[in-house]
Amino acid sequence: MKLGIFSKTFSRPTLEESLDAIHASGFDCVQFSLDSAGLAAMPESLDGDRCIRIRQAMKARDIEMSALSGTFNMIHPNVEEREAGMASLRVLADACESLGTSLITISTGTRNVDNMWAAHPENDSEEVWREMIVSISRATEIAERAGVTLVFEPELSNVVNSAQKARRLLDEIHSPHLKVVIDGANLFEVSEKARMHEILDEAFDLIGEDIELAHAKDLSEEGFSAAGRGILDYDKYISLLKSVGFEGGLILHSLDESEVPNCLEYLKSKLF
């Protein structure tokens, strides 16, 4: 497994300075957002030369781009919002080869119009599920044409809010270009702490073979936090990742830069 971090965790005036900070902290890889390079995260267009410069800057510092962030609300009630996101996804997919990655992270969306990471009662309806399937199908076709893979994350606030629904989505789309981002802290509520191991075991049984990227954060009464600061059993989580042969990027997020050193040491103590 490779230890990585969201590129946006390190905010510097230039991409090179941000990458220097990431490298100095000891990370092997990043989940990269284009706004770390002073661009829109979901751009309308992307210059090929700019992509190559980003790739070269990362290569010079021995940092791998494990994935490119490409999240937008795929079931936003405003169809124009969806179409804009889909157009940007196409731009990202076409840029992946130049950037040096083959994975794009996506979201299965929410009916909440104010916050794509907030739940909505309609998310559990069959009608919204079918709309989500249409959007994911279109996105997967874009990925297939570009030769890249989309990775979605089961999130309590989105349409796919469980490992069971993640399995259903994978089975309905049935494409090698659609896989999973796993995040142990996203699979249960604080109130379900007593069932944590059962929930994690079931998740890895259902979708373990489809995991292409892993996230590392934690969960507490106050919400999400840095890994090691909450209730997620990281010994269990790491052992399950190892049990399915996962060797990709384990990406830290939901932390401040000041928390990075302690969080990184914590994960190293669990991994090695």
C-alpha atoms as a PDB file:
ATOM      1  CA  MET A   1       0.000   0.000   0.000  1.00  0.00           C
ATOM      2  CA  LYS A   2       1.138   3.528  -0.760  1.00  0.00           C
ATOM      3  CA  LEU A   3       0.485   6.393   1.635  1.00  0.00           C
ATOM      4  CA  GLY A   4      -1.009   9.484   0.038  1.00  0.00           C
ATOM      5  CA  ILE A   5      -3.041  12.594   0.706  1.00  0.00           C
ATOM      6  CA  PHE A   6      -5.522  14.930  -0.962  1.00  0.00           C
ATOM      7  CA  SER A   7      -3.384  17.468  -2.805  1.00  0.00           C
ATOM      8  CA  LYS A   8      -5.578  20.326  -1.498  1.00  0.00           C
ATOM      9  CA  THR A   9      -4.403  19.649   2.068  1.00  0.00           C
ATOM     10  CA  PHE A  10      -1.247  21.612   1.277  1.00  0.00           C
ATOM     11  CA  SER A  11      -2.128  25.103   0.101  1.00  0.00           C
ATOM     12  CA  ARG A  12       0.776  27.027  -1.397  1.00  0.00           C
ATOM     13  CA  PRO A  13       1.094  29.877  -3.931  1.00  0.00           C
ATOM     14  CA  THR A  14       2.295  27.485  -6.654  1.00  0.00           C
ATOM     15  CA  LEU A  15       1.846  23.843  -7.605  1.00  0.00           C
ATOM     16  CA  GLU A  16       5.569  23.250  -7.209  1.00  0.00           C
ATOM     17  CA  GLU A  17       5.557  24.573  -3.647  1.00  0.00           C
ATOM     18  CA  SER A  18       2.564  22.398  -2.771  1.00  0.00           C
ATOM     19  CA  LEU A  19       4.257  19.330  -4.222  1.00  0.00           C
ATOM     20  CA  ASP A  20       7.469  20.169  -2.347  1.00  0.00           C
ATOM     21  CA  ALA A  21       5.487  20.181   0.903  1.00  0.00           C
ATOM     22  CA  ILE A  22       3.805  16.875   0.049  1.00  0.00           C
ATOM     23  CA  HIS A  23       7.138  15.281  -0.808  1.00  0.00           C
ATOM     24  CA  ALA A  24       8.833  16.643   2.316  1.00  0.00           C
ATOM     25  CA  SER A  25       6.053  15.161   4.442  1.00  0.00           C
ATOM     26  CA  GLY A  26       6.887  11.694   3.127  1.00  0.00           C
ATOM     27  CA  PHE A  27       3.933  10.859   0.881  1.00  0.00           C
ATOM     28  CA  ASP A  28       4.221   8.550  -2.110  1.00  0.00           C
ATOM     29  CA  CYS A  29       1.060   9.619  -3.909  1.00  0.00           C
ATOM     30  CA  VAL A  30      -1.872  12.025  -4.046  1.00  0.00           C
ATOM     31  CA  GLN A  31      -5.485  12.226  -5.025  1.00  0.00           C
ATOM     32  CA  PHE A  32      -5.069  15.279  -7.195  1.00  0.00           C
ATOM     33  CA  SER A  33      -7.457  18.170  -7.658  1.00  0.00           C
ATOM     34  CA  LEU A  34      -6.718  20.565 -10.477  1.00  0.00           C
ATOM     35  CA  ASP A  35      -7.298  23.547  -8.225  1.00  0.00           C
ATOM     36  CA  SER A  36      -3.940  22.625  -6.650  1.00  0.00           C
ATOM     37  CA  ALA A  37      -2.509  23.803  -9.979  1.00  0.00           C
ATOM     38  CA  GLY A  38      -4.513  27.031  -9.987  1.00  0.00           C
ATOM     39  CA  LEU A  39      -7.192  25.612 -12.290  1.00  0.00           C
ATOM     40  CA  ALA A  40     -10.869  24.853 -11.885  1.00  0.00           C
ATOM     41  CA  ALA A  41     -11.374  21.425 -10.314  1.00  0.00           C
ATOM     42  CA  MET A  42     -13.987  20.675 -12.998  1.00  0.00           C
ATOM     43  CA  PRO A  43     -12.741  22.672 -15.987  1.00  0.00           C
ATOM     44  CA  GLU A  44     -14.499  23.458 -19.258  1.00  0.00           C
ATOM     45  CA  SER A  45     -11.236  22.834 -21.087  1.00  0.00           C
ATOM     46  CA  LEU A  46      -7.690  21.799 -20.240  1.00  0.00           C
ATOM     47  CA  ASP A  47      -4.486  22.631 -22.061  1.00  0.00           C
ATOM     48  CA  GLY A  48      -2.394  19.570 -22.916  1.00  0.00           C
ATOM     49  CA  ASP A  49       0.897  21.328 -22.220  1.00  0.00           C
ATOM     50  CA  ARG A  50      -0.353  22.305 -18.763  1.00  0.00           C
ATOM     51  CA  CYS A  51      -1.146  18.653 -18.050  1.00  0.00           C
ATOM     52  CA  ILE A  52       2.321  17.582 -19.078  1.00  0.00           C
ATOM     53  CA  ARG A  53       3.891  20.227 -16.826  1.00  0.00           C
ATOM     54  CA  ILE A  54       1.834  18.940 -13.879  1.00  0.00           C
ATOM     55  CA  ARG A  55       2.951  15.382 -14.598  1.00  0.00           C
ATOM     56  CA  GLN A  56       6.591  16.417 -14.898  1.00  0.00           C
ATOM     57  CA  ALA A  57       6.445  18.383 -11.631  1.00  0.00           C
ATOM     58  CA  MET A  58       5.097  15.328  -9.829  1.00  0.00           C
ATOM     59  CA  LYS A  59       7.608  12.966 -11.431  1.00  0.00           C
ATOM     60  CA  ALA A  60      10.483  15.224 -10.384  1.00  0.00           C
ATOM     61  CA  ARG A  61       9.392  14.746  -6.774  1.00  0.00           C
ATOM     62  CA  ASP A  62       8.611  11.017  -7.021  1.00  0.00           C
ATOM     63  CA  ILE A  63       4.913  11.592  -6.341  1.00  0.00           C
ATOM     64  CA  GLU A  64       2.351   9.395  -8.066  1.00  0.00           C
ATOM     65  CA  MET A  65      -1.074  10.683  -9.045  1.00  0.00           C
ATOM     66  CA  SER A  66      -3.179   7.826  -7.706  1.00  0.00           C
ATOM     67  CA  ALA A  67      -6.390   9.461  -8.891  1.00  0.00           C
ATOM     68  CA  LEU A  68      -7.815  12.687 -10.248  1.00  0.00           C
ATOM     69  CA  SER A  69     -10.767  14.267  -8.445  1.00  0.00           C
ATOM     70  CA  GLY A  70     -13.789  14.550 -10.727  1.00  0.00           C
ATOM     71  CA  THR A  71     -16.757  14.753  -8.389  1.00  0.00           C
ATOM     72  CA  PHE A  72     -19.974  16.528  -9.302  1.00  0.00           C
ATOM     73  CA  ASN A  73     -23.613  15.994  -8.356  1.00  0.00           C
ATOM     74  CA  MET A  74     -24.813  13.430 -10.879  1.00  0.00           C
ATOM     75  CA  ILE A  75     -28.455  13.676  -9.805  1.00  0.00           C
ATOM     76  CA  HIS A  76     -28.721  17.412  -9.210  1.00  0.00           C
ATOM     77  CA  PRO A  77     -32.351  18.451  -9.881  1.00  0.00           C
ATOM     78  CA  ASN A  78     -31.048  21.076 -12.286  1.00  0.00           C
ATOM     79  CA  VAL A  79     -30.251  19.157 -15.475  1.00  0.00           C
ATOM     80  CA  GLU A  80     -27.928  21.934 -16.671  1.00  0.00           C
ATOM     81  CA  GLU A  81     -25.789  21.385 -13.570  1.00  0.00           C
ATOM     82  CA  ARG A  82     -25.513  17.691 -14.408  1.00  0.00           C
ATOM     83  CA  GLU A  83     -24.644  18.371 -18.034  1.00  0.00           C
ATOM     84  CA  ALA A  84     -21.913  20.829 -17.063  1.00  0.00           C
ATOM     85  CA  GLY A  85     -20.424  18.221 -14.747  1.00  0.00           C
ATOM     86  CA  MET A  86     -20.582  15.548 -17.423  1.00  0.00           C
ATOM     87  CA  ALA A  87     -18.840  17.837 -19.916  1.00  0.00           C
ATOM     88  CA  SER A  88     -16.055  18.515 -17.409  1.00  0.00           C
ATOM     89  CA  LEU A  89     -15.736  14.803 -16.689  1.00  0.00           C
ATOM     90  CA  ARG A  90     -15.098  14.258 -20.382  1.00  0.00           C
ATOM     91  CA  VAL A  91     -12.343  16.895 -20.254  1.00  0.00           C
ATOM     92  CA  LEU A  92     -10.739  15.168 -17.267  1.00  0.00           C
ATOM     93  CA  ALA A  93     -10.965  11.724 -18.831  1.00  0.00           C
ATOM     94  CA  ASP A  94      -9.252  12.930 -21.991  1.00  0.00           C
ATOM     95  CA  ALA A  95      -6.489  14.546 -19.899  1.00  0.00           C
ATOM     96  CA  CYS A  96      -5.686  11.541 -17.716  1.00  0.00           C
ATOM     97  CA  GLU A  97      -3.015  10.066 -19.975  1.00  0.00           C
ATOM     98  CA  SER A  98      -1.117  13.363 -20.089  1.00  0.00           C
ATOM     99  CA  LEU A  99      -1.496  13.795 -16.329  1.00  0.00           C
ATOM    100  CA  GLY A 100      -0.246  10.288 -15.623  1.00  0.00           C
ATOM    101  CA  THR A 101      -3.231   8.639 -13.969  1.00  0.00           C
ATOM    102  CA  SER A 102      -5.962   6.192 -14.929  1.00  0.00           C
ATOM    103  CA  LEU A 103      -8.445   6.762 -12.086  1.00  0.00           C
ATOM    104  CA  ILE A 104     -11.041   9.509 -11.644  1.00  0.00           C
ATOM    105  CA  THR A 105     -13.021   9.793  -8.407  1.00  0.00           C
ATOM    106  CA  ILE A 106     -16.743  10.452  -8.759  1.00  0.00           C
ATOM    107  CA  SER A 107     -19.813  10.767  -6.551  1.00  0.00           C
ATOM    108  CA  THR A 108     -23.178   9.033  -6.927  1.00  0.00           C
ATOM    109  CA  GLY A 109     -24.875  12.286  -5.972  1.00  0.00           C
ATOM    110  CA  THR A 110     -27.654  13.611  -3.783  1.00  0.00           C
ATOM    111  CA  ARG A 111     -30.904  15.477  -4.258  1.00  0.00           C
ATOM    112  CA  ASN A 112     -29.625  18.109  -1.820  1.00  0.00           C
ATOM    113  CA  VAL A 113     -29.117  21.214  -3.961  1.00  0.00           C
ATOM    114  CA  ASP A 114     -27.047  23.115  -1.393  1.00  0.00           C
ATOM    115  CA  ASN A 115     -24.387  20.527  -0.532  1.00  0.00           C
ATOM    116  CA  MET A 116     -23.438  17.484  -2.586  1.00  0.00           C
ATOM    117  CA  TRP A 117     -22.139  15.816   0.585  1.00  0.00           C
ATOM    118  CA  ALA A 118     -25.445  16.199   2.446  1.00  0.00           C
ATOM    119  CA  ALA A 119     -28.265  13.670   2.476  1.00  0.00           C
ATOM    120  CA  HIS A 120     -31.813  14.090   1.179  1.00  0.00           C
ATOM    121  CA  PRO A 121     -34.925  11.949   1.763  1.00  0.00           C
ATOM    122  CA  GLU A 122     -35.354  11.325  -1.980  1.00  0.00           C
ATOM    123  CA  ASN A 123     -31.917   9.700  -2.243  1.00  0.00           C
ATOM    124  CA  ASP A 124     -33.414   6.339  -1.251  1.00  0.00           C
ATOM    125  CA  SER A 125     -36.184   6.371  -3.845  1.00  0.00           C
ATOM    126  CA  GLU A 126     -36.203   4.016  -6.826  1.00  0.00           C
ATOM    127  CA  GLU A 127     -36.828   6.976  -9.152  1.00  0.00           C
ATOM    128  CA  VAL A 128     -33.613   8.682  -8.044  1.00  0.00           C
ATOM    129  CA  TRP A 129     -31.758   5.378  -8.298  1.00  0.00           C
ATOM    130  CA  ARG A 130     -32.757   5.058 -11.945  1.00  0.00           C
ATOM    131  CA  GLU A 131     -31.663   8.647 -12.650  1.00  0.00           C
ATOM    132  CA  MET A 132     -28.343   7.912 -10.996  1.00  0.00           C
ATOM    133  CA  ILE A 133     -27.923   4.779 -13.121  1.00  0.00           C
ATOM    134  CA  VAL A 134     -28.439   6.829 -16.292  1.00  0.00           C
ATOM    135  CA  SER A 135     -25.788   9.334 -15.212  1.00  0.00           C
ATOM    136  CA  ILE A 136     -23.298   6.678 -14.102  1.00  0.00           C
ATOM    137  CA  SER A 137     -23.828   4.801 -17.367  1.00  0.00           C
ATOM    138  CA  ARG A 138     -23.032   7.927 -19.374  1.00  0.00           C
ATOM    139  CA  ALA A 139     -19.988   8.642 -17.221  1.00  0.00           C
ATOM    140  CA  THR A 140     -18.748   5.076 -17.608  1.00  0.00           C
ATOM    141  CA  GLU A 141     -19.061   5.337 -21.383  1.00  0.00           C
ATOM    142  CA  ILE A 142     -16.877   8.457 -21.244  1.00  0.00           C
ATOM    143  CA  ALA A 143     -14.319   6.563 -19.154  1.00  0.00           C
ATOM    144  CA  GLU A 144     -14.339   3.568 -21.499  1.00  0.00           C
ATOM    145  CA  ARG A 145     -13.698   5.728 -24.554  1.00  0.00           C
ATOM    146  CA  ALA A 146     -10.782   7.436 -22.795  1.00  0.00           C
ATOM    147  CA  GLY A 147      -9.376   4.184 -21.383  1.00  0.00           C
ATOM    148  CA  VAL A 148      -9.714   5.252 -17.742  1.00  0.00           C
ATOM    149  CA  THR A 149     -11.592   3.960 -14.701  1.00  0.00           C
ATOM    150  CA  LEU A 150     -14.118   5.789 -12.544  1.00  0.00           C
ATOM    151  CA  VAL A 151     -14.092   5.052  -8.819  1.00  0.00           C
ATOM    152  CA  PHE A 152     -17.132   5.905  -6.691  1.00  0.00           C
ATOM    153  CA  GLU A 153     -17.357   5.981  -2.913  1.00  0.00           C
ATOM    154  CA  PRO A 154     -20.207   4.540  -0.839  1.00  0.00           C
ATOM    155  CA  GLU A 155     -21.237   7.534   1.308  1.00  0.00           C
ATOM    156  CA  LEU A 156     -24.055   7.761   3.833  1.00  0.00           C
ATOM    157  CA  SER A 157     -25.180  11.098   2.368  1.00  0.00           C
ATOM    158  CA  ASN A 158     -25.315   9.975  -1.277  1.00  0.00           C
ATOM    159  CA  VAL A 159     -27.499   7.626  -3.315  1.00  0.00           C
ATOM    160  CA  VAL A 160     -25.046   4.763  -2.908  1.00  0.00           C
ATOM    161  CA  ASN A 161     -24.918   4.881   0.874  1.00  0.00           C
ATOM    162  CA  SER A 162     -23.918   1.306   1.673  1.00  0.00           C
ATOM    163  CA  ALA A 163     -21.807  -1.569   0.434  1.00  0.00           C
ATOM    164  CA  GLN A 164     -25.006  -3.358  -0.582  1.00  0.00           C
ATOM    165  CA  LYS A 165     -25.979  -0.509  -2.913  1.00  0.00           C
ATOM    166  CA  ALA A 166     -22.395  -0.300  -4.190  1.00  0.00           C
ATOM    167  CA  ARG A 167     -22.621  -3.974  -5.164  1.00  0.00           C
ATOM    168  CA  ARG A 168     -25.960  -3.336  -6.862  1.00  0.00           C
ATOM    169  CA  LEU A 169     -24.501  -0.419  -8.828  1.00  0.00           C
ATOM    170  CA  LEU A 170     -21.490  -2.451  -9.951  1.00  0.00           C
ATOM    171  CA  ASP A 171     -23.719  -5.323 -11.031  1.00  0.00           C
ATOM    172  CA  GLU A 172     -26.135  -3.092 -12.943  1.00  0.00           C
ATOM    173  CA  ILE A 173     -23.432  -1.158 -14.805  1.00  0.00           C
ATOM    174  CA  HIS A 174     -21.224  -4.231 -15.180  1.00  0.00           C
ATOM    175  CA  SER A 175     -18.174  -2.477 -16.587  1.00  0.00           C
ATOM    176  CA  PRO A 176     -14.449  -2.860 -15.870  1.00  0.00           C
ATOM    177  CA  HIS A 177     -14.307   0.941 -16.062  1.00  0.00           C
ATOM    178  CA  LEU A 178     -16.344   1.399 -12.871  1.00  0.00           C
ATOM    179  CA  LYS A 179     -14.761   0.486  -9.540  1.00  0.00           C
ATOM    180  CA  VAL A 180     -14.785   1.545  -5.866  1.00  0.00           C
ATOM    181  CA  VAL A 181     -13.128   3.992  -3.488  1.00  0.00           C
ATOM    182  CA  ILE A 182     -13.425   2.528   0.006  1.00  0.00           C
ATOM    183  CA  ASP A 183     -13.519   4.627   3.158  1.00  0.00           C
ATOM    184  CA  GLY A 184     -14.155   2.745   6.387  1.00  0.00           C
ATOM    185  CA  ALA A 185     -15.420   5.875   8.148  1.00  0.00           C
ATOM    186  CA  ASN A 186     -18.158   6.339   5.537  1.00  0.00           C
ATOM    187  CA  LEU A 187     -19.811   2.975   6.067  1.00  0.00           C
ATOM    188  CA  PHE A 188     -21.475   3.426   9.453  1.00  0.00           C
ATOM    189  CA  GLU A 189     -22.892   5.968  11.879  1.00  0.00           C
ATOM    190  CA  VAL A 190     -21.430   6.652  15.324  1.00  0.00           C
ATOM    191  CA  SER A 191     -24.534   4.979  16.756  1.00  0.00           C
ATOM    192  CA  GLU A 192     -23.523   1.782  14.935  1.00  0.00           C
ATOM    193  CA  LYS A 193     -20.120   1.523  16.616  1.00  0.00           C
ATOM    194  CA  ALA A 194     -20.984  -1.818  18.209  1.00  0.00           C
ATOM    195  CA  ARG A 195     -21.600  -3.266  14.725  1.00  0.00           C
ATOM    196  CA  MET A 196     -18.529  -1.681  13.121  1.00  0.00           C
ATOM    197  CA  HIS A 197     -16.641  -4.938  12.534  1.00  0.00           C
ATOM    198  CA  GLU A 198     -19.724  -6.649  11.136  1.00  0.00           C
ATOM    199  CA  ILE A 199     -20.367  -3.736   8.752  1.00  0.00           C
ATOM    200  CA  LEU A 200     -16.744  -3.611   7.609  1.00  0.00           C
ATOM    201  CA  ASP A 201     -16.578  -7.377   7.079  1.00  0.00           C
ATOM    202  CA  GLU A 202     -19.735  -7.346   5.004  1.00  0.00           C
ATOM    203  CA  ALA A 203     -18.509  -4.405   2.924  1.00  0.00           C
ATOM    204  CA  PHE A 204     -15.258  -6.116   2.022  1.00  0.00           C
ATOM    205  CA  ASP A 205     -17.086  -9.368   1.262  1.00  0.00           C
ATOM    206  CA  LEU A 206     -19.362  -7.518  -1.143  1.00  0.00           C
ATOM    207  CA  ILE A 207     -17.018  -5.068  -2.874  1.00  0.00           C
ATOM    208  CA  GLY A 208     -13.476  -5.905  -1.767  1.00  0.00           C
ATOM    209  CA  GLU A 209     -12.467  -7.254  -5.157  1.00  0.00           C
ATOM    210  CA  ASP A 210     -13.516  -3.987  -6.820  1.00  0.00           C
ATOM    211  CA  ILE A 211     -11.522  -1.581  -4.626  1.00  0.00           C
ATOM    212  CA  GLU A 212      -9.068   0.536  -6.623  1.00  0.00           C
ATOM    213  CA  LEU A 213      -8.477   3.379  -4.137  1.00  0.00           C
ATOM    214  CA  ALA A 214      -8.806   3.751  -0.355  1.00  0.00           C
ATOM    215  CA  HIS A 215      -9.408   6.786   1.848  1.00  0.00           C
ATOM    216  CA  ALA A 216      -8.219   7.302   5.397  1.00  0.00           C
ATOM    217  CA  LYS A 217     -10.171   9.505   7.753  1.00  0.00           C
ATOM    218  CA  ASP A 218     -12.044   8.948  11.019  1.00  0.00           C
ATOM    219  CA  LEU A 219     -15.470   9.370  12.561  1.00  0.00           C
ATOM    220  CA  SER A 220     -16.496  10.868  15.894  1.00  0.00           C
ATOM    221  CA  GLU A 221     -19.493  12.510  17.545  1.00  0.00           C
ATOM    222  CA  GLU A 222     -18.372  15.815  15.987  1.00  0.00           C
ATOM    223  CA  GLY A 223     -18.229  14.380  12.473  1.00  0.00           C
ATOM    224  CA  PHE A 224     -15.312  13.389  10.282  1.00  0.00           C
ATOM    225  CA  SER A 225     -11.761  13.901  11.511  1.00  0.00           C
ATOM    226  CA  ALA A 226      -8.159  12.901  10.900  1.00  0.00           C
ATOM    227  CA  ALA A 227      -7.333   9.189  10.967  1.00  0.00           C
ATOM    228  CA  GLY A 228      -6.697   8.008  14.515  1.00  0.00           C
ATOM    229  CA  ARG A 229      -8.843  10.743  16.093  1.00  0.00           C
ATOM    230  CA  GLY A 230     -12.142   8.840  16.133  1.00  0.00           C
ATOM    231  CA  ILE A 231     -13.788   5.458  16.537  1.00  0.00           C
ATOM    232  CA  LEU A 232     -12.773   3.636  13.334  1.00  0.00           C
ATOM    233  CA  ASP A 233     -10.763   0.509  14.175  1.00  0.00           C
ATOM    234  CA  TYR A 234      -7.783   1.010  11.896  1.00  0.00           C
ATOM    235  CA  ASP A 235      -6.249  -2.363  12.727  1.00  0.00           C
ATOM    236  CA  LYS A 236      -9.416  -3.950  11.366  1.00  0.00           C
ATOM    237  CA  TYR A 237      -9.665  -1.616   8.373  1.00  0.00           C
ATOM    238  CA  ILE A 238      -6.042  -2.113   7.323  1.00  0.00           C
ATOM    239  CA  SER A 239      -6.251  -5.880   7.796  1.00  0.00           C
ATOM    240  CA  LEU A 240      -9.285  -6.012   5.511  1.00  0.00           C
ATOM    241  CA  LEU A 241      -7.509  -3.956   2.854  1.00  0.00           C
ATOM    242  CA  LYS A 242      -4.582  -6.354   3.013  1.00  0.00           C
ATOM    243  CA  SER A 243      -6.899  -9.377   2.921  1.00  0.00           C
ATOM    244  CA  VAL A 244      -8.224  -8.378  -0.524  1.00  0.00           C
ATOM    245  CA  GLY A 245      -4.715  -7.726  -1.841  1.00  0.00           C
ATOM    246  CA  PHE A 246      -5.101  -3.965  -2.052  1.00  0.00           C
ATOM    247  CA  GLU A 247      -1.808  -2.314  -3.064  1.00  0.00           C
ATOM    248  CA  GLY A 248      -2.994   1.094  -4.233  1.00  0.00           C
ATOM    249  CA  GLY A 249      -3.045   4.506  -2.615  1.00  0.00           C
ATOM    250  CA  LEU A 250      -4.363   4.948   0.928  1.00  0.00           C
ATOM    251  CA  ILE A 251      -5.285   8.627   0.818  1.00  0.00           C
ATOM    252  CA  LEU A 252      -5.538  10.826   3.919  1.00  0.00           C
ATOM    253  CA  HIS A 253      -8.165  13.556   4.039  1.00  0.00           C
ATOM    254  CA  SER A 254     -10.438  15.474   6.424  1.00  0.00           C
ATOM    255  CA  LEU A 255      -7.424  16.868   8.242  1.00  0.00           C
ATOM    256  CA  ASP A 256      -5.521  20.132   8.539  1.00  0.00           C
ATOM    257  CA  GLU A 257      -1.927  20.395   7.415  1.00  0.00           C
ATOM    258  CA  SER A 258      -0.894  20.765  11.070  1.00  0.00           C
ATOM    259  CA  GLU A 259      -2.315  17.293  11.759  1.00  0.00           C
ATOM    260  CA  VAL A 260      -0.382  15.596   8.972  1.00  0.00           C
ATOM    261  CA  PRO A 261       2.780  14.486  10.857  1.00  0.00           C
ATOM    262  CA  ASN A 262       0.930  12.726  13.685  1.00  0.00           C
ATOM    263  CA  CYS A 263      -1.649  11.250  11.343  1.00  0.00           C
ATOM    264  CA  LEU A 264       1.017   9.921   8.999  1.00  0.00           C
ATOM    265  CA  GLU A 265       2.934   8.293  11.845  1.00  0.00           C
ATOM    266  CA  TYR A 266      -0.282   6.740  13.102  1.00  0.00           C
ATOM    267  CA  LEU A 267      -0.978   5.136   9.735  1.00  0.00           C
ATOM    268  CA  LYS A 268       2.594   3.939   9.372  1.00  0.00           C
ATOM    269  CA  SER A 269       2.270   2.219  12.750  1.00  0.00           C
ATOM    270  CA  LYS A 270      -0.737   0.323  11.404  1.00  0.00           C
ATOM    271  CA  LEU A 271       0.701  -0.504   8.003  1.00  0.00           C
ATOM    272  CA  PHE A 272       4.261  -1.529   8.726  1.00  0.00           C
END
